[in-house]
PDB file of N, CA and C in Angstrom:
ATOM      1  N   MET A   1       0.348  26.159 -23.352  1.00  0.00           N
ATOM      2  CA  MET A   1       0.853  25.926 -21.848  1.00  0.00           C
ATOM      3  C   MET A   1      -0.817  25.710 -21.394  1.00  0.00           C
ATOM      4  N   THR A   2      -2.264  26.016 -22.170  1.00  0.00           N
ATOM      5  CA  THR A   2      -3.469  25.704 -21.663  1.00  0.00           C
ATOM      6  C   THR A   2      -3.981  24.026 -21.756  1.00  0.00           C
ATOM      7  N   GLU A   3      -2.860  23.340 -22.526  1.00  0.00           N
ATOM      8  CA  GLU A   3      -3.124  21.353 -22.945  1.00  0.00           C
ATOM      9  C   GLU A   3      -2.520  21.306 -21.925  1.00  0.00           C
ATOM     10  N   TYR A   4      -1.413  21.367 -20.931  1.00  0.00           N
ATOM     11  CA  TYR A   4      -0.496  20.890 -20.214  1.00  0.00           C
ATOM     12  C   TYR A   4      -1.056  21.318 -18.513  1.00  0.00           C
ATOM     13  N   ILE A   5      -1.757  22.210 -19.683  1.00  0.00           N
ATOM     14  CA  ILE A   5      -2.393  22.600 -17.543  1.00  0.00           C
ATOM     15  C   ILE A   5      -4.064  21.456 -17.568  1.00  0.00           C
ATOM     16  N   ILE A   6      -4.443  20.847 -18.974  1.00  0.00           N
ATOM     17  CA  ILE A   6      -5.746  20.375 -18.934  1.00  0.00           C
ATOM     18  C   ILE A   6      -5.504  18.649 -19.138  1.00  0.00           C
ATOM     19  N   ILE A   7      -3.797  18.895 -19.355  1.00  0.00           N
ATOM     20  CA  ILE A   7      -2.880  17.457 -19.425  1.00  0.00           C
ATOM     21  C   ILE A   7      -2.779  16.571 -17.884  1.00  0.00           C
ATOM     22  N   VAL A   8      -1.965  17.445 -16.499  1.00  0.00           N
ATOM     23  CA  VAL A   8      -1.844  17.686 -15.595  1.00  0.00           C
ATOM     24  C   VAL A   8      -3.252  16.695 -14.813  1.00  0.00           C
ATOM     25  N   ALA A   9      -4.031  17.792 -14.980  1.00  0.00           N
ATOM     26  CA  ALA A   9      -5.215  17.917 -14.415  1.00  0.00           C
ATOM     27  C   ALA A   9      -5.889  16.442 -14.270  1.00  0.00           C
ATOM     28  N   VAL A  10      -5.569  15.661 -15.451  1.00  0.00           N
ATOM     29  CA  VAL A  10      -6.494  14.627 -16.214  1.00  0.00           C
ATOM     30  C   VAL A  10      -5.841  13.251 -15.308  1.00  0.00           C
ATOM     31  N   ILE A  11      -4.163  13.423 -15.858  1.00  0.00           N
ATOM     32  CA  ILE A  11      -3.942  12.915 -14.588  1.00  0.00           C
ATOM     33  C   ILE A  11      -3.346  12.662 -13.155  1.00  0.00           C
ATOM     34  N   ALA A  12      -3.476  13.983 -12.276  1.00  0.00           N
ATOM     35  CA  ALA A  12      -3.807  14.258 -11.042  1.00  0.00           C
ATOM     36  C   ALA A  12      -4.995  13.710 -10.746  1.00  0.00           C
ATOM     37  N   LEU A  13      -6.641  13.821 -11.216  1.00  0.00           N
ATOM     38  CA  LEU A  13      -7.481  13.219 -11.195  1.00  0.00           C
ATOM     39  C   LEU A  13      -7.945  11.669 -11.266  1.00  0.00           C
ATOM     40  N   ALA A  14      -7.296  11.202 -12.540  1.00  0.00           N
ATOM     41  CA  ALA A  14      -6.780   9.478 -12.437  1.00  0.00           C
ATOM     42  C   ALA A  14      -6.491   8.612 -11.137  1.00  0.00           C
ATOM     43  N   ALA A  15      -5.083   9.481 -10.811  1.00  0.00           N
ATOM     44  CA  ALA A  15      -4.698   9.826 -10.129  1.00  0.00           C
ATOM     45  C   ALA A  15      -4.807   9.415  -8.505  1.00  0.00           C
ATOM     46  N   LEU A  16      -5.872  10.449  -8.444  1.00  0.00           N
ATOM     47  CA  LEU A  16      -6.638  10.387  -7.371  1.00  0.00           C
ATOM     48  C   LEU A  16      -7.925   9.259  -6.719  1.00  0.00           C
ATOM     49  N   THR A  17      -8.571   9.160  -8.187  1.00  0.00           N
ATOM     50  CA  THR A  17      -9.386   8.010  -8.472  1.00  0.00           C
ATOM     51  C   THR A  17      -8.893   6.469  -8.013  1.00  0.00           C
ATOM     52  N   VAL A  18      -7.674   6.269  -8.554  1.00  0.00           N
ATOM     53  CA  VAL A  18      -6.794   4.705  -8.244  1.00  0.00           C
ATOM     54  C   VAL A  18      -6.891   4.749  -6.768  1.00  0.00           C
ATOM     55  N   PHE A  19      -5.991   5.605  -6.352  1.00  0.00           N
ATOM     56  CA  PHE A  19      -5.867   5.712  -5.187  1.00  0.00           C
ATOM     57  C   PHE A  19      -6.719   5.837  -4.124  1.00  0.00           C
ATOM     58  N   GLY A  20      -8.003   6.377  -4.444  1.00  0.00           N
ATOM     59  CA  GLY A  20      -9.511   7.032  -3.790  1.00  0.00           C
ATOM     60  C   GLY A  20     -10.074   4.930  -3.670  1.00  0.00           C
ATOM     61  N   LEU A  21     -10.047   3.741  -4.860  1.00  0.00           N
ATOM     62  CA  LEU A  21     -10.137   2.862  -5.323  1.00  0.00           C
ATOM     63  C   LEU A  21      -9.396   2.093  -4.329  1.00  0.00           C
ATOM     64  N   PHE A  22      -8.298   2.000  -5.089  1.00  0.00           N
ATOM     65  CA  PHE A  22      -7.171   0.811  -4.221  1.00  0.00           C
ATOM     66  C   PHE A  22      -6.741   1.061  -3.124  1.00  0.00           C
ATOM     67  N   GLY A  23      -6.691   2.127  -2.169  1.00  0.00           N
ATOM     68  CA  GLY A  23      -6.030   2.947  -1.144  1.00  0.00           C
ATOM     69  C   GLY A  23      -5.857   2.014   0.185  1.00  0.00           C
ATOM     70  N   ASP A  24      -6.890   1.056   0.367  1.00  0.00           N
ATOM     71  CA  ASP A  24      -7.042   0.379   1.549  1.00  0.00           C
ATOM     72  C   ASP A  24      -5.954  -1.056   0.931  1.00  0.00           C
ATOM     73  N   THR A  25      -6.012  -1.761   0.000  1.00  0.00           N
ATOM     74  CA  THR A  25      -5.411  -2.482  -0.680  1.00  0.00           C
ATOM     75  C   THR A  25      -3.900  -1.996  -0.384  1.00  0.00           C
ATOM     76  N   ILE A  26      -3.505  -0.799  -0.898  1.00  0.00           N
ATOM     77  CA  ILE A  26      -2.114  -0.168  -1.394  1.00  0.00           C
ATOM     78  C   ILE A  26      -1.384  -0.319  -0.008  1.00  0.00           C
ATOM     79  N   ARG A  27      -2.483   0.249   1.327  1.00  0.00           N
ATOM     80  CA  ARG A  27      -2.179   0.362   1.978  1.00  0.00           C
ATOM     81  C   ARG A  27      -1.211  -0.730   3.145  1.00  0.00           C
ATOM     82  N   ALA A  28      -2.272  -1.630   3.317  1.00  0.00           N
ATOM     83  CA  ALA A  28      -2.678  -3.258   3.572  1.00  0.00           C
ATOM     84  C   ALA A  28      -1.213  -3.486   2.903  1.00  0.00           C
ATOM     85  N   LYS A  29      -1.059  -4.071   2.075  1.00  0.00           N
ATOM     86  CA  LYS A  29      -0.063  -4.209   1.357  1.00  0.00           C
ATOM     87  C   LYS A  29       1.982  -3.202   1.664  1.00  0.00           C
ATOM     88  N   MET A  30       2.021  -2.852   1.639  1.00  0.00           N
ATOM     89  CA  MET A  30       3.075  -1.590   1.844  1.00  0.00           C
ATOM     90  C   MET A  30       3.469  -1.705   3.746  1.00  0.00           C
ATOM     91  N   ASN A  31       2.383  -1.646   4.156  1.00  0.00           N
ATOM     92  CA  ASN A  31       2.525  -2.166   5.464  1.00  0.00           C
ATOM     93  C   ASN A  31       2.915  -3.622   6.258  1.00  0.00           C
ATOM     94  N   GLY A  32       2.241  -4.630   5.114  1.00  0.00           N
ATOM     95  CA  GLY A  32       3.296  -6.114   5.102  1.00  0.00           C
ATOM     96  C   GLY A  32       3.954  -6.148   5.161  1.00  0.00           C
ATOM     97  N   ILE A  33       5.061  -5.215   3.644  1.00  0.00           N
ATOM     98  CA  ILE A  33       6.430  -4.462   3.204  1.00  0.00           C
ATOM     99  C   ILE A  33       7.065  -4.466   4.548  1.00  0.00           C
ATOM    100  N   ILE A  34       6.588  -3.300   5.631  1.00  0.00           N
ATOM    101  CA  ILE A  34       7.652  -3.028   5.912  1.00  0.00           C
ATOM    102  C   ILE A  34       7.427  -3.349   7.319  1.00  0.00           C
ATOM    103  N   ALA A  35       6.438  -4.359   7.418  1.00  0.00           N
ATOM    104  CA  ALA A  35       6.608  -5.234   9.017  1.00  0.00           C
ATOM    105  C   ALA A  35       7.688  -6.785   8.563  1.00  0.00           C
ATOM    106  N   ALA A  36       6.977  -6.791   7.057  1.00  0.00           N
ATOM    107  CA  ALA A  36       8.723  -8.307   6.874  1.00  0.00           C
ATOM    108  C   ALA A  36       9.665  -7.754   7.214  1.00  0.00           C
ATOM    109  N   PHE A  37      10.074  -6.452   6.759  1.00  0.00           N
ATOM    110  CA  PHE A  37      11.757  -5.965   7.032  1.00  0.00           C
ATOM    111  C   PHE A  37      11.870  -5.167   8.518  1.00  0.00           C
ATOM    112  N   GLY A  38      11.077  -5.789   9.056  1.00  0.00           N
ATOM    113  CA  GLY A  38      11.027  -5.351  10.650  1.00  0.00           C
ATOM    114  C   GLY A  38      11.116  -3.632  10.928  1.00  0.00           C
ATOM    115  N   GLY A  39       9.953  -3.329  10.474  1.00  0.00           N
ATOM    116  CA  GLY A  39       9.343  -1.590  11.013  1.00  0.00           C
ATOM    117  C   GLY A  39       8.068  -1.607  11.620  1.00  0.00           C
ATOM    118  N   GLU A  40       8.172  -0.414  12.390  1.00  0.00           N
ATOM    119  CA  GLU A  40       6.347  -0.851  13.119  1.00  0.00           C
ATOM    120  C   GLU A  40       5.672   0.151  12.202  1.00  0.00           C
ATOM    121  N   ALA A  41       4.823  -1.284  11.802  1.00  0.00           N
ATOM    122  CA  ALA A  41       3.828  -0.939  10.150  1.00  0.00           C
ATOM    123  C   ALA A  41       2.249  -0.599  11.676  1.00  0.00           C
ATOM    124  N   THR A  42       1.464  -0.086  11.260  1.00  0.00           N
ATOM    125  CA  THR A  42       0.618  -0.577  11.182  1.00  0.00           C
ATOM    126  C   THR A  42      -1.017  -0.998  10.422  1.00  0.00           C
ATOM    127  N   GLY A  43      -1.992  -1.320  10.558  1.00  0.00           N
ATOM    128  CA  GLY A  43      -2.721  -2.328   9.655  1.00  0.00           C
ATOM    129  C   GLY A  43      -3.472  -1.156   9.472  1.00  0.00           C
ATOM    130  N   THR A  44      -4.816  -1.096   8.510  1.00  0.00           N
ATOM    131  CA  THR A  44      -5.209  -0.154   7.840  1.00  0.00           C
ATOM    132  C   THR A  44      -6.642  -0.220   9.060  1.00  0.00           C
ATOM    133  N   GLN A  45      -7.002  -0.586  10.515  1.00  0.00           N
ATOM    134  CA  GLN A  45      -7.226   0.238  11.161  1.00  0.00           C
ATOM    135  C   GLN A  45      -6.396   1.001  11.987  1.00  0.00           C
ATOM    136  N   GLY A  46      -4.798   0.812  11.648  1.00  0.00           N
ATOM    137  CA  GLY A  46      -4.312   1.514  13.306  1.00  0.00           C
ATOM    138  C   GLY A  46      -3.715   0.468  13.935  1.00  0.00           C
ATOM    139  N   GLU A  47      -3.952  -1.166  13.668  1.00  0.00           N
ATOM    140  CA  GLU A  47      -3.398  -1.968  14.573  1.00  0.00           C
ATOM    141  C   GLU A  47      -2.463  -2.349  14.486  1.00  0.00           C
ATOM    142  N   GLN A  48      -1.339  -2.644  15.153  1.00  0.00           N
ATOM    143  CA  GLN A  48      -0.300  -3.705  15.332  1.00  0.00           C
ATOM    144  C   GLN A  48      -0.020  -4.586  14.062  1.00  0.00           C
ATOM    145  N   VAL A  49       0.767  -4.986  13.260  1.00  0.00           N
ATOM    146  CA  VAL A  49       1.032  -5.754  12.539  1.00  0.00           C
ATOM    147  C   VAL A  49       2.262  -6.782  12.960  1.00  0.00           C
ATOM    148  N   ASP A  50       1.985  -7.631  12.603  1.00  0.00           N
ATOM    149  CA  ASP A  50       2.806  -8.722  13.142  1.00  0.00           C
ATOM    150  C   ASP A  50       4.913  -8.952  12.136  1.00  0.00           C
ATOM    151  N   PRO A  51       5.568  -8.541  12.834  1.00  0.00           N
ATOM    152  CA  PRO A  51       6.151  -8.632  11.154  1.00  0.00           C
ATOM    153  C   PRO A  51       6.430 -10.266  11.068  1.00  0.00           C
ATOM    154  N   GLY A  52       6.639 -11.323  12.317  1.00  0.00           N
ATOM    155  CA  GLY A  52       6.935 -12.031  11.318  1.00  0.00           C
ATOM    156  C   GLY A  52       8.686 -12.506  10.932  1.00  0.00           C
ATOM    157  N   SER A  53       8.507 -13.096   9.953  1.00  0.00           N
ATOM    158  CA  SER A  53      10.124 -13.363   9.140  1.00  0.00           C
ATOM    159  C   SER A  53      10.843 -12.684   7.862  1.00  0.00           C
ATOM    160  N   SER A  54      11.529 -11.749   7.567  1.00  0.00           N
ATOM    161  CA  SER A  54      11.531 -11.081   6.784  1.00  0.00           C
ATOM    162  C   SER A  54      11.481 -11.687   5.490  1.00  0.00           C
ATOM    163  N   LYS A  55      11.985 -12.827   5.134  1.00  0.00           N
ATOM    164  CA  LYS A  55      12.275 -13.346   3.391  1.00  0.00           C
ATOM    165  C   LYS A  55      10.893 -14.240   3.237  1.00  0.00           C
ATOM    166  N   ASP A  56      10.159 -15.009   4.380  1.00  0.00           N
ATOM    167  CA  ASP A  56       8.271 -15.759   4.119  1.00  0.00           C
ATOM    168  C   ASP A  56       7.989 -14.112   4.127  1.00  0.00           C
ATOM    169  N   GLY A  57       8.230 -13.190   4.904  1.00  0.00           N
ATOM    170  CA  GLY A  57       6.462 -12.637   4.672  1.00  0.00           C
ATOM    171  C   GLY A  57       6.263 -11.980   3.419  1.00  0.00           C
ATOM    172  N   LEU A  58       7.970 -11.280   2.663  1.00  0.00           N
ATOM    173  CA  LEU A  58       7.770 -11.232   1.658  1.00  0.00           C
ATOM    174  C   LEU A  58       7.383 -11.702   0.451  1.00  0.00           C
ATOM    175  N   LYS A  59       8.118 -12.863   0.421  1.00  0.00           N
ATOM    176  CA  LYS A  59       7.449 -14.099  -0.253  1.00  0.00           C
ATOM    177  C   LYS A  59       5.815 -14.574  -0.141  1.00  0.00           C
ATOM    178  N   ASN A  60       5.346 -14.537   1.160  1.00  0.00           N
ATOM    179  CA  ASN A  60       4.226 -14.747   1.029  1.00  0.00           C
ATOM    180  C   ASN A  60       2.628 -13.838   2.117  1.00  0.00           C
ATOM    181  N   LEU A  61       2.859 -12.570   0.943  1.00  0.00           N
ATOM    182  CA  LEU A  61       2.342 -11.399   1.356  1.00  0.00           C
ATOM    183  C   LEU A  61       0.797 -12.067   0.943  1.00  0.00           C
ATOM    184  N   ASN A  62       0.070 -12.126   1.537  1.00  0.00           N
ATOM    185  CA  ASN A  62      -2.123 -11.984   1.280  1.00  0.00           C
ATOM    186  C   ASN A  62      -1.905 -11.177   0.848  1.00  0.00           C
ATOM    187  N   GLN A  63      -3.680 -11.123   0.675  1.00  0.00           N
ATOM    188  CA  GLN A  63      -4.348 -10.028  -0.035  1.00  0.00           C
ATOM    189  C   GLN A  63      -4.567  -8.786   0.885  1.00  0.00           C
ATOM    190  N   ASP A  64      -4.483  -9.071   1.547  1.00  0.00           N
ATOM    191  CA  ASP A  64      -4.603  -8.294   3.059  1.00  0.00           C
ATOM    192  C   ASP A  64      -3.147  -7.417   3.617  1.00  0.00           C
ATOM    193  N   GLY A  65      -2.331  -7.754   3.060  1.00  0.00           N
ATOM    194  CA  GLY A  65      -1.167  -7.425   3.118  1.00  0.00           C
ATOM    195  C   GLY A  65      -0.457  -8.205   3.846  1.00  0.00           C
ATOM    196  N   SER A  66      -0.963  -8.478   5.030  1.00  0.00           N
ATOM    197  CA  SER A  66      -0.067  -9.250   5.797  1.00  0.00           C
ATOM    198  C   SER A  66       0.982 -10.452   5.400  1.00  0.00           C
ATOM    199  N   GLY A  67       1.903 -11.034   6.485  1.00  0.00           N
ATOM    200  CA  GLY A  67       2.855 -11.662   6.290  1.00  0.00           C
ATOM    201  C   GLY A  67       2.615 -13.491   6.760  1.00  0.00           C
ATOM    202  N   ALA A  68       1.112 -13.630   7.142  1.00  0.00           N
ATOM    203  CA  ALA A  68       0.923 -15.077   7.855  1.00  0.00           C
ATOM    204  C   ALA A  68       1.174 -15.338   6.891  1.00  0.00           C
ATOM    205  N   PRO A  69       1.236 -17.153   7.017  1.00  0.00           N
ATOM    206  CA  PRO A  69       1.633 -18.223   5.710  1.00  0.00           C
ATOM    207  C   PRO A  69      -0.280 -18.535   5.928  1.00  0.00           C
TER     208      PRO A  69
END
């Protein structure tokens, strides 16, 4: 039982580390996808994201998560 608790703790720590390092990038990508589908997404600083065209937005997601060409 102790081994399973240690494994779960290590996995949780690894997940927290990954989300800590890449959290802004993941958030920006998800906001770009949400905006492409016509939702009301906000950027990493709380600003509104321009949704643009759904198909083009998903095909052209930039590194910052925006769908701008």
